[in-house]
N, C-alpha and C. Protein backbone atom coordinates (compact mmCIF):
# COMPACT_ATOMS: atom_id res chain seq x y z
N MET A 1 -85.15 63.55 -63.34
CA MET A 1 -85.69 62.44 -62.42
C MET A 1 -86.38 63.01 -61.50
N ASP A 2 -87.63 62.59 -60.79
CA ASP A 2 -88.33 63.03 -59.87
C ASP A 2 -87.79 63.48 -58.89
N GLY A 3 -88.06 64.59 -58.31
CA GLY A 3 -87.40 65.29 -57.12
C GLY A 3 -87.66 64.42 -55.94
N ASN A 4 -88.38 63.77 -55.69
CA ASN A 4 -88.78 63.25 -54.52
C ASN A 4 -88.39 61.77 -54.16
N ILE A 5 -86.83 61.93 -54.79
CA ILE A 5 -86.25 60.47 -54.46
C ILE A 5 -85.13 61.56 -54.13
N GLU A 6 -84.91 60.34 -52.74
CA GLU A 6 -83.44 60.91 -51.82
C GLU A 6 -82.64 59.62 -51.79
N VAL A 7 -81.33 60.01 -51.81
CA VAL A 7 -79.86 59.04 -51.85
C VAL A 7 -79.72 59.19 -50.16
N ASP A 8 -79.47 58.09 -49.87
CA ASP A 8 -78.73 57.84 -48.31
C ASP A 8 -77.69 57.17 -48.21
N ILE A 9 -77.03 57.06 -47.17
CA ILE A 9 -76.19 55.88 -46.99
C ILE A 9 -77.21 55.08 -46.27
N ALA A 10 -77.12 53.58 -46.35
CA ALA A 10 -77.68 53.07 -45.39
C ALA A 10 -77.59 52.54 -43.97
N THR A 11 -77.93 52.69 -42.74
CA THR A 11 -77.77 51.55 -41.81
C THR A 11 -78.57 50.85 -41.57
N PRO A 12 -78.18 50.29 -40.26
CA PRO A 12 -78.96 49.16 -39.97
C PRO A 12 -80.31 49.07 -39.43
N ASP A 13 -80.97 50.38 -39.72
CA ASP A 13 -82.36 50.87 -39.61
C ASP A 13 -82.80 50.32 -41.14
N ASP A 14 -82.07 50.02 -42.12
CA ASP A 14 -82.59 50.20 -43.32
C ASP A 14 -82.56 48.22 -43.95
N ILE A 15 -82.03 47.44 -42.80
CA ILE A 15 -81.99 46.16 -43.23
C ILE A 15 -83.11 45.15 -43.78
N GLU A 16 -84.13 45.55 -43.21
CA GLU A 16 -85.64 45.03 -43.52
C GLU A 16 -85.87 45.00 -44.98
N ALA A 17 -85.77 46.70 -45.09
CA ALA A 17 -86.26 47.34 -46.73
C ALA A 17 -85.21 46.34 -47.61
N LEU A 18 -83.90 46.57 -47.51
CA LEU A 18 -83.19 45.81 -48.01
C LEU A 18 -82.99 44.37 -48.26
N LYS A 19 -83.49 43.78 -47.54
CA LYS A 19 -83.97 42.53 -47.58
C LYS A 19 -85.36 42.15 -48.14
N ASP A 20 -85.94 42.91 -48.12
CA ASP A 20 -87.41 42.94 -49.17
C ASP A 20 -87.05 43.50 -50.76
N LEU A 21 -85.96 44.24 -51.22
CA LEU A 21 -85.71 44.65 -51.98
C LEU A 21 -85.01 43.77 -52.75
N THR A 22 -83.75 43.53 -52.19
CA THR A 22 -83.27 41.98 -52.63
C THR A 22 -83.70 41.06 -52.86
N LYS A 23 -84.67 40.28 -52.07
CA LYS A 23 -85.10 39.01 -52.32
C LYS A 23 -86.59 39.32 -53.38
N GLN A 24 -86.97 40.55 -54.02
CA GLN A 24 -87.77 40.82 -55.10
C GLN A 24 -86.94 40.54 -55.70
N LEU A 25 -86.09 41.48 -55.95
CA LEU A 25 -85.16 41.23 -57.28
C LEU A 25 -84.23 40.04 -57.81
N VAL A 26 -83.78 39.19 -56.94
CA VAL A 26 -83.43 38.12 -56.92
C VAL A 26 -84.46 37.24 -57.48
N GLU A 27 -85.30 37.11 -56.63
CA GLU A 27 -86.66 36.39 -57.67
C GLU A 27 -87.34 36.74 -58.50
N ASP A 28 -87.15 37.78 -59.22
CA ASP A 28 -87.46 38.73 -60.62
C ASP A 28 -86.01 38.00 -61.68
N LEU A 29 -84.76 37.68 -61.27
CA LEU A 29 -84.02 36.92 -62.15
C LEU A 29 -84.01 35.21 -62.17
N ASP A 30 -85.10 35.02 -61.92
CA ASP A 30 -85.45 33.54 -61.39
C ASP A 30 -84.33 32.50 -60.60
N GLN A 31 -83.84 33.43 -59.58
CA GLN A 31 -82.67 32.86 -58.83
C GLN A 31 -83.52 33.04 -57.44
N GLU A 32 -83.16 31.95 -56.23
CA GLU A 32 -83.33 31.87 -54.92
C GLU A 32 -82.65 32.55 -54.40
N PHE A 33 -83.68 33.49 -53.49
CA PHE A 33 -82.88 34.24 -52.40
C PHE A 33 -82.18 33.46 -51.16
N GLU A 34 -81.07 33.64 -50.71
CA GLU A 34 -80.87 32.75 -49.85
C GLU A 34 -80.15 33.84 -48.35
N PRO A 35 -81.30 34.10 -47.42
CA PRO A 35 -81.31 34.80 -46.11
C PRO A 35 -80.14 34.74 -45.70
N LYS A 36 -79.28 33.54 -45.26
CA LYS A 36 -78.17 33.47 -44.74
C LYS A 36 -76.97 34.36 -45.11
N ARG A 37 -77.21 33.92 -46.87
CA ARG A 37 -75.81 35.13 -47.58
C ARG A 37 -76.42 36.62 -47.39
N PHE A 38 -77.61 36.87 -47.56
CA PHE A 38 -78.06 38.47 -47.48
C PHE A 38 -77.64 38.47 -45.96
N ASP A 39 -78.20 37.93 -45.30
CA ASP A 39 -77.58 38.54 -44.01
C ASP A 39 -76.20 38.44 -43.70
N TRP A 40 -75.35 37.78 -43.99
CA TRP A 40 -73.72 38.05 -43.95
C TRP A 40 -73.29 39.17 -44.50
N GLY A 41 -73.78 39.01 -45.57
CA GLY A 41 -73.23 40.33 -46.72
C GLY A 41 -73.44 41.24 -45.97
N ILE A 42 -74.76 41.77 -45.94
CA ILE A 42 -75.16 43.20 -45.37
C ILE A 42 -75.19 43.57 -44.10
N ARG A 43 -74.84 42.74 -43.22
CA ARG A 43 -74.66 43.15 -42.17
C ARG A 43 -72.51 43.26 -42.06
N ARG A 44 -71.71 42.55 -42.60
CA ARG A 44 -70.13 42.98 -42.69
C ARG A 44 -70.31 44.22 -43.55
N ARG A 45 -71.03 44.62 -44.71
CA ARG A 45 -70.87 45.78 -45.52
C ARG A 45 -71.46 46.77 -44.24
N LEU A 46 -72.56 46.99 -43.15
CA LEU A 46 -72.94 47.80 -42.43
C LEU A 46 -71.95 48.13 -41.36
N TYR A 47 -71.42 47.31 -40.86
CA TYR A 47 -70.75 47.34 -39.58
C TYR A 47 -69.14 47.36 -39.90
N ASP A 48 -68.68 46.99 -40.64
CA ASP A 48 -67.20 47.08 -41.13
C ASP A 48 -67.09 48.64 -41.39
N PRO A 49 -65.55 48.87 -40.26
CA PRO A 49 -65.51 50.34 -40.39
C PRO A 49 -64.95 50.70 -42.05
N LEU A 50 -64.24 49.90 -42.87
CA LEU A 50 -63.70 50.25 -44.14
C LEU A 50 -65.34 50.50 -45.18
N GLN A 51 -66.38 49.36 -44.65
CA GLN A 51 -67.08 49.40 -45.74
C GLN A 51 -68.51 49.80 -45.60
N ARG A 52 -69.05 50.33 -43.84
CA ARG A 52 -69.90 50.75 -44.05
C ARG A 52 -70.77 52.02 -44.49
N HIS A 53 -69.80 52.73 -45.41
CA HIS A 53 -70.81 53.93 -45.94
C HIS A 53 -71.05 53.44 -47.66
N GLY A 54 -70.30 52.25 -47.72
CA GLY A 54 -70.70 51.83 -49.20
C GLY A 54 -71.82 51.65 -49.88
N ILE A 55 -73.14 51.29 -48.96
CA ILE A 55 -74.49 51.06 -49.74
C ILE A 55 -75.22 52.12 -49.26
N LEU A 56 -75.15 52.78 -50.60
CA LEU A 56 -76.11 53.53 -50.67
C LEU A 56 -78.03 53.47 -51.42
N ILE A 57 -78.44 53.80 -50.69
CA ILE A 57 -80.02 53.33 -50.78
C ILE A 57 -80.95 54.70 -51.41
N ALA A 58 -81.76 54.50 -52.39
CA ALA A 58 -82.66 55.70 -52.62
C ALA A 58 -83.79 55.49 -51.92
N LYS A 59 -84.58 56.35 -51.75
CA LYS A 59 -86.34 56.60 -50.87
C LYS A 59 -87.24 57.27 -51.95
N ASP A 60 -87.95 56.87 -52.05
CA ASP A 60 -89.25 57.34 -52.49
C ASP A 60 -89.94 58.37 -51.06
N LYS A 61 -89.58 59.70 -51.08
CA LYS A 61 -90.38 60.55 -50.11
C LYS A 61 -91.91 60.41 -50.36
N ASP A 62 -92.23 60.29 -51.32
CA ASP A 62 -93.65 60.10 -51.77
C ASP A 62 -94.52 58.91 -51.35
N LYS A 63 -93.84 57.84 -50.83
CA LYS A 63 -94.03 56.26 -50.49
C LYS A 63 -93.69 56.23 -49.15
N ASN A 64 -93.48 57.18 -48.60
CA ASN A 64 -93.08 56.69 -46.92
C ASN A 64 -91.67 56.43 -46.80
N ASN A 65 -91.02 57.00 -47.45
CA ASN A 65 -89.38 56.73 -47.60
C ASN A 65 -89.01 55.32 -47.87
N GLU A 66 -89.95 54.85 -48.85
CA GLU A 66 -89.77 53.32 -49.27
C GLU A 66 -88.42 53.35 -50.00
N VAL A 67 -87.90 51.94 -49.85
CA VAL A 67 -86.27 51.71 -50.20
C VAL A 67 -86.79 51.41 -51.84
N VAL A 68 -86.33 52.01 -52.91
CA VAL A 68 -86.50 51.73 -54.09
C VAL A 68 -85.51 51.48 -54.73
N GLY A 69 -84.36 51.55 -54.61
CA GLY A 69 -82.88 51.30 -55.25
C GLY A 69 -81.95 51.53 -54.26
N MET A 70 -80.75 50.09 -54.98
CA MET A 70 -79.63 50.64 -54.16
C MET A 70 -78.18 50.22 -54.55
N ILE A 71 -77.38 50.68 -54.48
CA ILE A 71 -75.93 50.30 -55.05
C ILE A 71 -74.99 49.91 -53.67
N VAL A 72 -74.27 48.72 -53.80
CA VAL A 72 -73.31 48.40 -52.99
C VAL A 72 -71.87 48.76 -53.32
N ALA A 73 -71.24 49.36 -53.03
CA ALA A 73 -69.85 50.05 -53.38
C ALA A 73 -68.52 49.24 -52.50
N GLU A 74 -67.81 48.86 -52.91
CA GLU A 74 -66.92 48.05 -51.84
C GLU A 74 -65.91 48.45 -52.29
N LEU A 75 -64.65 48.48 -51.02
CA LEU A 75 -63.36 48.69 -50.74
C LEU A 75 -62.33 47.72 -50.81
N ARG A 76 -61.77 47.23 -51.72
CA ARG A 76 -60.84 46.28 -51.55
C ARG A 76 -59.38 46.20 -51.48
N ILE A 77 -58.12 45.98 -50.59
CA ILE A 77 -57.02 46.27 -50.66
C ILE A 77 -56.48 45.07 -50.86
N ASP A 78 -55.44 45.22 -51.80
CA ASP A 78 -54.44 44.21 -52.02
C ASP A 78 -53.22 43.94 -51.48
N PRO A 79 -52.69 42.63 -51.42
CA PRO A 79 -51.86 42.60 -50.11
C PRO A 79 -50.72 43.81 -50.40
N TYR A 80 -50.37 44.39 -51.52
CA TYR A 80 -49.20 45.53 -51.62
C TYR A 80 -50.03 46.81 -51.24
N GLY A 81 -51.37 46.96 -50.61
CA GLY A 81 -51.80 47.84 -50.33
C GLY A 81 -52.16 48.97 -51.09
N ASP A 82 -52.53 48.27 -52.55
CA ASP A 82 -53.27 48.95 -53.45
C ASP A 82 -54.81 49.36 -53.12
N SER A 83 -55.61 50.10 -53.37
CA SER A 83 -57.09 49.95 -52.85
C SER A 83 -57.62 49.78 -54.55
N GLU A 84 -58.79 49.30 -54.59
CA GLU A 84 -59.59 49.28 -55.63
C GLU A 84 -61.12 49.29 -55.25
N GLY A 85 -61.85 49.80 -55.64
CA GLY A 85 -63.23 49.86 -55.57
C GLY A 85 -63.96 48.89 -56.36
N TYR A 86 -64.66 48.15 -56.34
CA TYR A 86 -65.70 47.45 -56.65
C TYR A 86 -67.16 47.77 -56.43
N ILE A 87 -67.82 47.82 -57.62
CA ILE A 87 -69.42 47.84 -57.74
C ILE A 87 -70.16 46.65 -57.76
N LYS A 88 -70.81 46.29 -56.59
CA LYS A 88 -71.07 44.73 -56.49
C LYS A 88 -72.35 44.63 -56.80
N GLN A 89 -73.24 45.40 -56.66
CA GLN A 89 -74.58 45.34 -57.11
C GLN A 89 -75.24 46.45 -57.31
N VAL A 90 -76.51 46.84 -58.43
CA VAL A 90 -77.21 47.78 -58.61
C VAL A 90 -78.52 47.15 -58.40
N PHE A 91 -79.41 47.70 -57.18
CA PHE A 91 -80.97 47.03 -57.82
C PHE A 91 -81.65 48.13 -57.66
N LEU A 92 -82.72 48.36 -58.79
CA LEU A 92 -83.63 49.20 -58.96
C LEU A 92 -85.14 48.43 -58.89
N LYS A 93 -85.97 48.84 -58.61
CA LYS A 93 -87.42 48.34 -58.73
C LYS A 93 -87.80 48.87 -59.84
N SER A 94 -88.44 48.19 -60.50
CA SER A 94 -88.31 48.06 -61.97
C SER A 94 -89.30 49.28 -62.12
N GLU A 95 -89.98 49.88 -61.27
CA GLU A 95 -91.05 51.20 -62.16
C GLU A 95 -89.80 52.49 -61.86
N TYR A 96 -88.69 51.98 -61.21
CA TYR A 96 -87.98 52.97 -60.97
C TYR A 96 -86.54 53.25 -61.89
N ARG A 97 -86.72 52.41 -63.02
CA ARG A 97 -85.89 52.12 -64.02
C ARG A 97 -86.07 53.00 -65.37
N GLY A 98 -84.98 53.35 -65.84
CA GLY A 98 -85.07 54.31 -67.09
C GLY A 98 -85.37 55.68 -66.78
N ILE A 99 -85.27 56.24 -65.30
CA ILE A 99 -85.50 57.81 -64.80
C ILE A 99 -84.20 58.17 -64.55
N GLY A 100 -83.15 57.83 -64.37
CA GLY A 100 -81.95 58.38 -64.30
C GLY A 100 -81.36 57.91 -62.64
N LEU A 101 -82.25 56.75 -61.85
CA LEU A 101 -82.23 56.57 -60.65
C LEU A 101 -80.63 56.00 -60.47
N GLY A 102 -80.49 54.93 -61.90
CA GLY A 102 -79.16 54.22 -61.49
C GLY A 102 -77.83 54.88 -61.87
N ARG A 103 -77.95 55.94 -62.68
CA ARG A 103 -76.83 56.55 -62.77
C ARG A 103 -76.17 57.63 -61.38
N ILE A 104 -77.73 58.25 -60.93
CA ILE A 104 -77.42 58.83 -59.43
C ILE A 104 -76.57 57.77 -58.75
N LEU A 105 -77.14 56.47 -58.32
CA LEU A 105 -76.86 56.15 -57.26
C LEU A 105 -75.12 55.64 -57.63
N LEU A 106 -74.98 55.55 -59.03
CA LEU A 106 -73.62 55.10 -59.40
C LEU A 106 -72.34 56.29 -59.11
N ASN A 107 -73.04 57.25 -59.74
CA ASN A 107 -72.14 58.58 -59.06
C ASN A 107 -72.08 58.70 -57.77
N LYS A 108 -73.08 58.65 -57.15
CA LYS A 108 -72.82 58.60 -55.68
C LYS A 108 -71.60 57.62 -55.18
N ALA A 109 -72.02 55.96 -55.55
CA ALA A 109 -70.98 55.06 -55.12
C ALA A 109 -69.45 55.82 -55.53
N LEU A 110 -69.53 56.62 -57.00
CA LEU A 110 -68.11 56.66 -57.08
C LEU A 110 -67.76 57.83 -56.72
N GLU A 111 -68.41 58.65 -55.93
CA GLU A 111 -67.55 59.76 -55.02
C GLU A 111 -67.68 59.21 -53.72
N HIS A 112 -67.96 58.15 -53.17
CA HIS A 112 -67.76 57.69 -51.96
C HIS A 112 -66.59 56.92 -52.24
N LEU A 113 -66.37 56.34 -52.94
CA LEU A 113 -64.97 55.18 -53.27
C LEU A 113 -63.62 56.35 -53.82
N LYS A 114 -64.16 57.52 -54.35
CA LYS A 114 -63.29 58.60 -54.17
C LYS A 114 -62.43 58.75 -53.02
N LYS A 115 -63.49 59.27 -51.96
CA LYS A 115 -63.14 59.88 -50.70
C LYS A 115 -62.22 58.74 -49.88
N VAL A 116 -62.71 57.42 -50.20
CA VAL A 116 -62.01 56.47 -49.38
C VAL A 116 -60.39 56.46 -49.92
N LYS A 117 -59.87 57.25 -51.37
CA LYS A 117 -58.78 56.97 -52.08
C LYS A 117 -58.53 55.95 -52.83
N VAL A 118 -59.61 55.38 -53.40
CA VAL A 118 -59.90 54.27 -54.52
C VAL A 118 -59.15 54.73 -55.68
N GLN A 119 -58.10 54.17 -56.47
CA GLN A 119 -57.31 54.46 -57.40
C GLN A 119 -58.31 53.52 -58.70
N LYS A 120 -58.48 52.34 -58.67
CA LYS A 120 -59.60 52.01 -59.93
C LYS A 120 -61.02 51.49 -59.36
N VAL A 121 -61.75 51.60 -60.13
CA VAL A 121 -63.21 50.79 -59.74
C VAL A 121 -63.34 49.60 -60.50
N LYS A 122 -63.92 48.87 -60.35
CA LYS A 122 -64.52 47.20 -61.06
C LYS A 122 -66.05 46.92 -60.87
N VAL A 123 -66.67 46.46 -61.93
CA VAL A 123 -67.48 46.11 -62.03
C VAL A 123 -67.68 44.79 -62.66
N ASN A 124 -68.40 43.50 -62.48
CA ASN A 124 -68.87 42.27 -63.41
C ASN A 124 -70.33 42.61 -63.59
N LEU A 125 -70.52 42.07 -64.61
CA LEU A 125 -71.88 42.27 -65.14
C LEU A 125 -72.31 40.85 -65.89
N LYS A 126 -73.28 40.44 -65.54
CA LYS A 126 -74.09 39.77 -66.18
C LYS A 126 -74.07 39.71 -67.53
N SER A 127 -74.33 38.49 -68.47
CA SER A 127 -74.21 39.34 -69.79
C SER A 127 -75.67 39.90 -70.25
N ARG A 128 -76.66 39.28 -69.32
CA ARG A 128 -77.69 39.68 -69.62
C ARG A 128 -78.31 41.13 -69.20
N ALA A 129 -77.14 42.01 -68.75
CA ALA A 129 -77.63 43.31 -67.57
C ALA A 129 -76.97 44.10 -68.82
N THR A 130 -77.66 44.26 -70.26
CA THR A 130 -77.59 45.26 -71.37
C THR A 130 -77.33 46.36 -70.87
N LYS A 131 -78.86 46.99 -70.20
CA LYS A 131 -79.02 48.52 -69.70
C LYS A 131 -77.92 48.79 -68.64
N ALA A 132 -77.55 47.95 -67.68
CA ALA A 132 -76.48 47.91 -66.80
C ALA A 132 -75.00 48.34 -67.43
N ALA A 133 -74.80 47.57 -68.77
CA ALA A 133 -73.44 47.62 -69.41
C ALA A 133 -73.67 49.29 -70.22
N GLU A 134 -74.60 49.75 -70.54
CA GLU A 134 -74.50 50.80 -71.24
C GLU A 134 -74.53 52.19 -70.07
N LEU A 135 -75.07 51.79 -68.82
CA LEU A 135 -75.02 53.16 -67.82
C LEU A 135 -73.32 53.35 -67.54
N TYR A 136 -72.61 51.91 -67.40
CA TYR A 136 -71.27 51.68 -66.85
C TYR A 136 -70.28 52.28 -68.05
N LYS A 137 -70.78 52.33 -69.51
CA LYS A 137 -70.16 52.50 -70.63
C LYS A 137 -70.46 53.99 -71.13
N LYS A 138 -71.72 55.14 -70.31
CA LYS A 138 -71.55 56.22 -70.24
C LYS A 138 -70.98 56.59 -69.77
N THR A 139 -70.86 56.18 -68.29
CA THR A 139 -69.72 56.65 -67.12
C THR A 139 -68.15 56.37 -67.61
N HIS A 140 -68.13 56.00 -68.79
CA HIS A 140 -66.63 55.58 -69.15
C HIS A 140 -66.06 54.59 -68.35
N PHE A 141 -66.66 53.57 -67.96
CA PHE A 141 -66.00 52.02 -67.68
C PHE A 141 -65.66 51.33 -68.72
N LYS A 142 -64.45 50.85 -68.94
CA LYS A 142 -63.44 50.03 -70.16
C LYS A 142 -64.10 48.60 -69.84
N LYS A 143 -64.20 48.17 -71.15
CA LYS A 143 -63.77 46.61 -70.92
C LYS A 143 -62.59 46.07 -70.22
N VAL A 144 -62.09 45.35 -69.69
CA VAL A 144 -60.85 45.04 -69.63
C VAL A 144 -60.37 43.62 -69.71
N TYR A 145 -61.56 42.97 -68.98
CA TYR A 145 -61.71 41.31 -69.18
C TYR A 145 -62.63 40.78 -69.40
N GLU A 146 -62.76 39.50 -69.77
CA GLU A 146 -64.22 38.51 -69.38
C GLU A 146 -63.83 37.73 -68.17
N VAL A 147 -64.97 37.48 -68.17
CA VAL A 147 -65.02 36.41 -66.63
C VAL A 147 -66.13 35.42 -67.32
N LEU A 148 -65.23 34.15 -67.57
CA LEU A 148 -66.13 32.72 -68.43
C LEU A 148 -66.48 32.15 -66.49
N GLU A 149 -67.62 31.39 -66.89
CA GLU A 149 -68.33 30.60 -65.79
C GLU A 149 -68.42 29.06 -66.24
N LEU A 150 -68.20 28.06 -65.79
CA LEU A 150 -68.48 26.33 -65.98
C LEU A 150 -68.85 26.26 -64.83
N ASP A 151 -70.10 25.06 -65.16
CA ASP A 151 -70.91 24.35 -64.54
C ASP A 151 -70.29 22.91 -64.54
N LEU A 152 -69.56 22.43 -63.27
CA LEU A 152 -69.14 21.42 -63.23
C LEU A 152 -69.84 20.23 -63.65
N GLU A 153 -71.42 20.36 -63.16
CA GLU A 153 -72.53 19.12 -63.08
C GLU A 153 -72.56 18.90 -64.46
N ASP A 154 -73.06 20.41 -65.46
CA ASP A 154 -72.97 20.32 -66.58
C ASP A 154 -71.52 19.76 -67.84
N TYR A 155 -70.68 20.04 -66.97
CA TYR A 155 -69.65 19.89 -67.75
C TYR A 155 -69.33 18.13 -67.69
N GLU A 156 -69.36 17.86 -66.38
CA GLU A 156 -69.36 16.22 -66.78
C GLU A 156 -70.04 15.50 -67.31
N GLY A 157 -71.35 15.60 -67.15
CA GLY A 157 -72.41 15.17 -68.03
C GLY A 157 -71.91 15.24 -69.94
N ASN A 158 -71.59 16.52 -70.12
CA ASN A 158 -71.09 16.67 -71.54
C ASN A 158 -69.52 15.70 -71.60
N GLN A 159 -68.95 15.58 -70.69
CA GLN A 159 -67.48 14.71 -71.05
C GLN A 159 -67.98 13.37 -71.43
N GLU A 160 -68.86 12.95 -70.84
CA GLU A 160 -69.24 11.47 -70.72
C GLU A 160 -69.79 11.49 -72.27
N GLU A 161 -70.68 12.26 -72.65
CA GLU A 161 -71.29 12.33 -74.09
C GLU A 161 -69.82 12.64 -74.87
N GLU A 162 -69.05 13.07 -74.84
CA GLU A 162 -67.75 13.19 -75.92
C GLU A 162 -67.14 12.37 -75.68
N ASN A 163 -67.14 11.14 -74.73
CA ASN A 163 -65.86 9.76 -74.85
C ASN A 163 -66.59 8.98 -75.49
N LYS A 164 -67.81 8.99 -75.93
CA LYS A 164 -68.51 8.09 -76.18
C LYS A 164 -68.44 7.57 -77.86
């Protein structure tokens, strides 16, 4: 991988760059960017004492430290006191994909979660995230369960058709 990429822990100074990156990538997936949702999520992760080191960003030093990728690694604690890590999202600008940057960000996130005494790490993937699935498989993640989703608006329409 290019030696001019640097991985750091995100700080409040990076919020606008993270917003721009997230907006670009969400729109590339044909989804609507929700500023309030972004603001709530990013600020919670940057200022919460348990979460604040869990956003790792990749900056390209050749492009004035432009943020070109990020990964969100959350700590979750269940009612019994067990902790687990959760990789919430990995975003890379398209021109930075396929060069090993995702693997570097994932490894840094796993190091962070290990430091905070996480026992297991989970990740949910969209079915079309085939490249991400390959990365997680290479890192020894195993499929434990599947998550299915139902859009109730579509379901109501289907029920009416089935009842005819």
